[in-house]
Amino acid sequence: MAENFTWNQTFHGADDPNLGHCGSTDGEPIVHKARTAAQRRREEPGVRVGDTEYSICKRFNITPGCFRLWNGLPKQSQQATITISAGRDYVVGYKAKPPVTVTPPTQPVTPPQPPPPTPVTPSPSTSFRRMPTELSVSDACIAYMRSWERPPKVNGQLTGRVFRDTKGSLTVGFGHYIKEEDKQQWAAYDPEQGGWRELTMDQMIELFHADVSRLSEADIKKRIFVPLLQHEYDALVDFVFHRGAGALLQSGLQNYINSKPNGNFDYGEIQDCFMLYAFWFNQATGQWEHNPGFEKRRWEEIEMFRYGRYTLHS
């Protein structure tokens, strides 16, 4: 494939506002037909979704900025994410025109001297990066997580009794999952077992903070070894709390983030890693199934990781 084409620029994942690196579009366009999940899986075993903007750009070594320019799509500054339609043809480059023969000059030409290097000013955000062991989840993230994990209301008040979540799992308070072996310990709070007692709001909040520290923050501090911004750390805290210990590794986030000690992330890669967990494994059917609520939470975590936006749910 690549030996027949001359690509116009090098992939780096940035949205260059000038897009000067996209090169000429005078040649014949090179077209890629977006693949379904099944088609992509035949070439890339283990993937769970069809082509994404990032997967196409990575495959053809192009930037999202050029990809969007060539296909008449909104810039990243106008629309952070786009949906790739399986079966649609997308332009991924242009064939180079035949080279023009130039007669060498009779007199030697002195090559122009390169300009002196421009000093690089470190990004201000770099100075705010700290190791995960030095960070704690922010109050903004705690409020965000509680807005997702709050228990149902009974008679207008959040219940302190055991209930079943959207997946049918026994839960109490703000997302405290009750394992089968712990079920008896919660009998007094479980209406299914004849329980009538309720946790107070203070008890539910205390239990939630303990869970976040024990289950989520401890896992991040064990797996991530590069400095993070507060909102990047917060997004990972929510991701691990929702999808469990091990999700950092299995999603690819652990290895990718650890490979970027300066925080120069490709957000297409970050997005793909998060969105692998827009699915859940249905034990009844033995299949991975898309969950709209999971997808919504993943998008919000991506927004938090990249921009520091915390979306509260009423």
Protein backbone atom coordinates (compact mmCIF):
# COMPACT_ATOMS: atom_id res chain seq x y z
CA MET A 1 0.00 0.00 0.00
CA ALA A 2 2.47 2.67 1.19
CA GLU A 3 5.04 2.01 -1.59
CA ASN A 4 2.61 3.40 -4.23
CA PHE A 5 1.71 6.61 -2.41
CA THR A 6 3.46 9.65 -1.01
CA TRP A 7 1.79 10.78 2.20
CA ASN A 8 1.61 14.50 2.76
CA GLN A 9 2.39 14.75 6.49
CA THR A 10 3.22 12.82 9.66
CA PHE A 11 0.64 11.71 12.23
CA HIS A 12 0.88 13.48 15.58
CA GLY A 13 -2.74 13.77 16.71
CA ALA A 14 -2.87 17.57 16.88
CA ASP A 15 -5.50 19.89 15.41
CA ASP A 16 -3.18 22.37 13.64
CA PRO A 17 -5.29 25.49 13.07
CA ASN A 18 -3.32 26.35 9.92
CA LEU A 19 -3.27 22.78 8.57
CA GLY A 20 -0.27 23.75 6.48
CA HIS A 21 1.18 20.27 6.97
CA CYS A 22 -1.70 18.63 5.07
CA GLY A 23 0.02 19.15 1.75
CA SER A 24 -1.44 19.42 -1.73
CA THR A 25 -4.83 17.99 -2.70
CA ASP A 26 -4.12 18.21 -6.43
CA GLY A 27 -3.48 14.48 -6.81
CA GLU A 28 -5.92 11.58 -6.94
CA PRO A 29 -7.63 11.04 -3.53
CA ILE A 30 -6.90 7.85 -1.63
CA VAL A 31 -10.10 6.46 -0.12
CA HIS A 32 -10.70 4.14 2.85
CA LYS A 33 -14.06 2.47 3.42
CA ALA A 34 -14.82 2.57 7.16
CA ARG A 35 -15.00 -0.92 8.65
CA THR A 36 -17.60 -2.47 10.92
CA ALA A 37 -16.51 -4.03 14.21
CA ALA A 38 -16.52 -7.49 12.60
CA GLN A 39 -14.43 -6.33 9.64
CA ARG A 40 -11.93 -4.52 11.83
CA ARG A 41 -11.68 -7.50 14.18
CA ARG A 42 -10.47 -9.72 11.34
CA GLU A 43 -7.45 -7.46 10.90
CA GLU A 44 -7.06 -6.35 14.53
CA PRO A 45 -8.08 -9.24 16.82
CA GLY A 46 -9.55 -8.13 20.14
CA VAL A 47 -11.09 -4.80 19.10
CA ARG A 48 -14.76 -4.35 20.01
CA VAL A 49 -15.79 -1.42 17.86
CA GLY A 50 -15.62 -0.47 14.19
CA ASP A 51 -13.37 2.22 12.75
CA THR A 52 -13.03 5.41 14.79
CA GLU A 53 -11.46 8.69 13.76
CA TYR A 54 -8.36 7.75 15.72
CA SER A 55 -8.06 4.22 14.29
CA ILE A 56 -8.26 5.56 10.70
CA CYS A 57 -5.71 8.32 11.36
CA LYS A 58 -3.34 5.91 13.06
CA ARG A 59 -3.65 3.33 10.28
CA PHE A 60 -2.85 5.83 7.51
CA ASN A 61 -0.38 7.95 9.50
CA ILE A 62 -2.36 11.20 9.18
CA THR A 63 -3.57 13.84 11.63
CA PRO A 64 -7.21 14.31 12.68
CA GLY A 65 -6.96 17.91 11.44
CA CYS A 66 -6.09 16.82 7.89
CA PHE A 67 -8.59 13.95 7.98
CA ARG A 68 -11.39 16.36 8.82
CA LEU A 69 -10.23 18.95 6.25
CA TRP A 70 -10.15 16.40 3.41
CA ASN A 71 -13.60 15.03 4.32
CA GLY A 72 -15.38 18.33 4.97
CA LEU A 73 -15.83 17.59 8.68
CA PRO A 74 -15.85 20.14 11.56
CA LYS A 75 -12.52 21.10 13.12
CA GLN A 76 -11.70 19.65 16.54
CA SER A 77 -11.99 23.14 18.03
CA GLN A 78 -15.59 23.22 16.78
CA GLN A 79 -16.54 19.61 17.57
CA ALA A 80 -14.34 17.44 19.77
CA THR A 81 -15.60 14.10 18.51
CA ILE A 82 -17.20 12.80 15.34
CA THR A 83 -19.01 9.58 14.47
CA ILE A 84 -17.48 7.38 11.79
CA SER A 85 -20.11 5.64 9.63
CA ALA A 86 -19.26 2.06 8.69
CA GLY A 87 -19.32 1.54 4.92
CA ARG A 88 -18.71 5.21 4.09
CA ASP A 89 -15.69 6.19 1.99
CA TYR A 90 -13.29 8.61 3.70
CA VAL A 91 -10.37 10.42 2.05
CA VAL A 92 -7.12 9.51 3.84
CA GLY A 93 -4.56 11.13 1.55
CA TYR A 94 -3.68 12.04 -2.03
CA LYS A 95 -1.39 10.34 -4.54
CA ALA A 96 1.66 12.44 -5.25
CA LYS A 97 2.07 13.86 -8.73
CA PRO A 98 5.00 12.53 -10.81
CA PRO A 99 8.22 14.31 -9.89
CA VAL A 100 9.34 17.20 -12.10
CA THR A 101 12.76 16.80 -13.69
CA VAL A 102 15.00 19.71 -12.81
CA THR A 103 18.24 20.44 -14.68
CA PRO A 104 21.03 20.90 -12.14
CA PRO A 105 22.67 24.34 -12.19
CA THR A 106 26.10 24.73 -13.75
CA GLN A 107 27.37 26.67 -10.75
CA PRO A 108 27.32 25.21 -7.25
CA VAL A 109 24.58 26.68 -5.12
CA THR A 110 25.18 27.41 -1.45
CA PRO A 111 22.33 25.82 0.50
CA PRO A 112 20.39 28.23 2.72
CA GLN A 113 21.39 28.21 6.35
CA PRO A 114 18.72 27.03 8.78
CA PRO A 115 17.37 29.69 11.16
CA PRO A 116 18.58 29.55 14.76
CA PRO A 117 16.47 27.26 16.96
CA THR A 118 13.56 28.92 18.73
CA PRO A 119 13.57 28.32 22.51
CA VAL A 120 10.63 26.20 23.65
CA THR A 121 8.60 27.46 26.60
CA PRO A 122 7.22 24.59 28.72
CA SER A 123 3.44 24.41 28.94
CA PRO A 124 2.16 26.10 32.11
CA SER A 125 0.16 22.98 32.91
CA THR A 126 3.37 20.95 33.23
CA SER A 127 4.26 22.74 36.49
CA PHE A 128 0.97 21.57 38.00
CA ARG A 129 1.57 17.91 37.25
CA ARG A 130 2.12 15.73 40.28
CA MET A 131 2.68 12.06 40.85
CA PRO A 132 -0.50 10.08 41.64
CA THR A 133 0.89 9.29 45.08
CA GLU A 134 0.79 13.04 45.81
CA LEU A 135 -2.78 13.54 44.56
CA SER A 136 -6.19 13.00 46.14
CA VAL A 137 -9.55 13.02 44.44
CA SER A 138 -11.00 16.54 44.23
CA ASP A 139 -14.26 17.74 45.76
CA ALA A 140 -15.53 18.45 42.22
CA CYS A 141 -14.96 14.83 41.23
CA ILE A 142 -16.60 13.53 44.42
CA ALA A 143 -19.68 15.63 43.64
CA TYR A 144 -19.69 14.32 40.06
CA MET A 145 -19.39 10.70 41.16
CA ARG A 146 -22.12 11.05 43.77
CA SER A 147 -24.44 12.49 41.13
CA TRP A 148 -24.01 9.24 39.18
CA GLU A 149 -23.95 6.82 42.11
CA ARG A 150 -26.71 8.20 44.33
CA PRO A 151 -29.26 5.68 45.69
CA PRO A 152 -32.93 5.84 44.65
CA LYS A 153 -35.40 8.03 46.51
CA VAL A 154 -38.10 6.63 48.77
CA ASN A 155 -40.78 9.08 49.93
CA GLY A 156 -38.70 11.91 48.48
CA GLN A 157 -35.50 10.98 50.37
CA LEU A 158 -32.40 9.07 49.28
CA THR A 159 -32.78 5.60 50.76
CA GLY A 160 -30.18 4.16 53.12
CA ARG A 161 -31.40 0.62 52.49
CA VAL A 162 -29.97 -2.02 50.18
CA PHE A 163 -31.30 -1.84 46.61
CA ARG A 164 -30.53 -3.37 43.22
CA ASP A 165 -28.73 -1.24 40.63
CA THR A 166 -29.41 -1.13 36.87
CA LYS A 167 -27.52 -4.42 36.40
CA GLY A 168 -29.41 -6.12 39.23
CA SER A 169 -26.48 -6.07 41.67
CA LEU A 170 -27.07 -5.54 45.40
CA THR A 171 -25.95 -2.03 46.29
CA VAL A 172 -26.19 0.34 49.24
CA GLY A 173 -25.50 4.06 49.53
CA PHE A 174 -23.43 5.72 46.80
CA GLY A 175 -22.45 2.77 44.66
CA HIS A 176 -21.25 0.38 47.38
CA TYR A 177 -21.44 -3.03 45.70
CA ILE A 178 -22.35 -5.91 48.03
CA LYS A 179 -20.64 -9.17 47.18
CA GLU A 180 -22.54 -12.42 47.54
CA GLU A 181 -20.33 -13.48 50.44
CA ASP A 182 -21.09 -10.18 52.24
CA LYS A 183 -24.82 -10.35 51.69
CA GLN A 184 -25.60 -11.66 55.18
CA GLN A 185 -23.71 -8.78 56.80
CA TRP A 186 -26.22 -6.36 55.24
CA ALA A 187 -29.34 -8.40 56.10
CA ALA A 188 -30.62 -5.79 58.58
CA TYR A 189 -30.55 -3.15 55.78
CA ASP A 190 -31.84 -5.40 52.97
CA PRO A 191 -35.63 -5.42 52.42
CA GLU A 192 -35.26 -8.65 50.41
CA GLN A 193 -33.99 -10.31 53.60
CA GLY A 194 -36.59 -8.67 55.80
CA GLY A 195 -34.31 -5.82 56.89
CA TRP A 196 -35.73 -2.46 57.89
CA ARG A 197 -32.72 -0.44 59.07
CA GLU A 198 -31.23 2.41 57.03
CA LEU A 199 -27.82 4.04 56.82
CA THR A 200 -27.78 7.75 57.63
CA MET A 201 -26.55 10.22 55.01
CA ASP A 202 -23.31 10.69 56.95
CA GLN A 203 -22.77 6.94 57.03
CA MET A 204 -23.40 6.64 53.27
CA ILE A 205 -20.96 9.46 52.53
CA GLU A 206 -18.31 7.95 54.82
CA LEU A 207 -18.72 4.54 53.14
CA PHE A 208 -18.46 6.15 49.69
CA HIS A 209 -15.23 8.01 50.53
CA ALA A 210 -13.73 4.79 51.90
CA ASP A 211 -14.67 2.92 48.70
CA VAL A 212 -13.16 5.61 46.45
CA SER A 213 -9.90 5.56 48.40
CA ARG A 214 -9.67 1.77 48.79
CA LEU A 215 -10.91 0.64 45.38
CA SER A 216 -10.12 3.44 42.96
CA GLU A 217 -7.34 5.70 44.22
CA ALA A 218 -5.27 2.81 45.53
CA ASP A 219 -5.42 1.11 42.12
CA ILE A 220 -4.33 4.26 40.27
CA LYS A 221 -1.42 4.90 42.63
CA LYS A 222 -0.32 1.30 42.06
CA ARG A 223 -0.51 1.41 38.25
CA ILE A 224 0.27 4.96 37.06
CA PHE A 225 3.88 6.13 37.43
CA VAL A 226 3.89 9.48 35.59
CA PRO A 227 2.75 12.95 36.73
CA LEU A 228 -0.89 13.88 36.14
CA LEU A 229 -2.99 17.02 36.27
CA GLN A 230 -5.73 16.99 38.91
CA HIS A 231 -8.54 16.59 36.38
CA GLU A 232 -6.71 13.75 34.61
CA TYR A 233 -6.35 11.95 37.92
CA ASP A 234 -10.03 12.60 38.75
CA ALA A 235 -11.19 11.11 35.43
CA LEU A 236 -9.22 7.93 36.12
CA VAL A 237 -10.66 7.75 39.65
CA ASP A 238 -14.22 7.76 38.30
CA PHE A 239 -13.35 5.29 35.51
CA VAL A 240 -11.84 2.74 37.92
CA PHE A 241 -14.61 3.22 40.49
CA HIS A 242 -17.26 2.49 37.87
CA ARG A 243 -15.56 -0.31 35.93
CA GLY A 244 -13.40 -1.88 38.63
CA ALA A 245 -9.75 -2.59 39.39
CA GLY A 246 -7.96 -3.81 36.30
CA ALA A 247 -9.91 -1.58 33.90
CA LEU A 248 -6.88 0.71 33.57
CA LEU A 249 -4.76 -2.17 32.25
CA GLN A 250 -7.38 -3.87 30.12
CA SER A 251 -8.51 -0.63 28.45
CA GLY A 252 -4.94 0.25 27.47
CA LEU A 253 -4.96 3.47 29.53
CA GLN A 254 -2.32 2.21 31.97
CA ASN A 255 0.33 1.44 29.36
CA TYR A 256 -0.44 4.45 27.19
CA ILE A 257 -0.41 7.04 30.00
CA ASN A 258 2.77 5.56 31.47
CA SER A 259 4.42 5.97 28.03
CA LYS A 260 3.82 9.75 28.12
CA PRO A 261 5.74 11.14 31.12
CA ASN A 262 5.40 14.72 29.81
CA GLY A 263 1.63 14.47 29.40
CA ASN A 264 1.74 14.96 25.60
CA PHE A 265 -1.26 12.70 25.10
CA ASP A 266 -2.92 11.84 21.80
CA TYR A 267 -6.54 12.34 22.82
CA GLY A 268 -7.76 10.07 20.04
CA GLU A 269 -5.88 7.24 21.74
CA ILE A 270 -7.23 8.28 25.15
CA GLN A 271 -10.76 8.34 23.73
CA ASP A 272 -10.45 4.87 22.20
CA CYS A 273 -9.21 3.43 25.50
CA PHE A 274 -12.05 4.93 27.53
CA MET A 275 -14.70 3.94 24.98
CA LEU A 276 -13.78 0.25 25.13
CA TYR A 277 -15.74 0.35 28.39
CA ALA A 278 -18.92 1.76 26.86
CA PHE A 279 -19.74 -1.96 26.77
CA TRP A 280 -20.47 -4.49 29.51
CA PHE A 281 -20.36 -8.27 29.52
CA ASN A 282 -23.86 -9.73 29.88
CA GLN A 283 -23.47 -12.95 31.86
CA ALA A 284 -26.92 -14.12 30.76
CA THR A 285 -26.13 -13.90 27.03
CA GLY A 286 -22.36 -14.36 27.20
CA GLN A 287 -21.97 -11.30 24.95
CA TRP A 288 -20.45 -7.83 25.18
CA GLU A 289 -23.31 -5.36 24.86
CA HIS A 290 -23.34 -1.61 24.32
CA ASN A 291 -24.77 0.39 27.23
CA PRO A 292 -25.91 3.98 26.52
CA GLY A 293 -25.43 4.99 30.16
CA PHE A 294 -21.88 3.63 30.16
CA GLU A 295 -21.15 5.48 26.90
CA LYS A 296 -22.45 8.77 28.36
CA ARG A 297 -20.25 8.37 31.43
CA ARG A 298 -17.19 7.55 29.28
CA TRP A 299 -17.69 10.73 27.23
CA GLU A 300 -17.93 12.75 30.43
CA GLU A 301 -14.72 11.14 31.75
CA ILE A 302 -12.98 12.00 28.47
CA GLU A 303 -14.16 15.62 28.82
CA MET A 304 -12.92 15.64 32.41
CA PHE A 305 -9.54 14.15 31.47
CA ARG A 306 -8.95 16.54 28.57
CA TYR A 307 -10.65 19.79 29.61
CA GLY A 308 -11.33 19.52 33.37
CA ARG A 309 -15.10 19.61 32.88
CA TYR A 310 -17.25 18.04 35.60
CA THR A 311 -20.85 17.37 34.53
CA LEU A 312 -23.20 17.08 37.50
CA HIS A 313 -26.47 15.14 37.19
CA SER A 314 -29.55 16.43 38.98
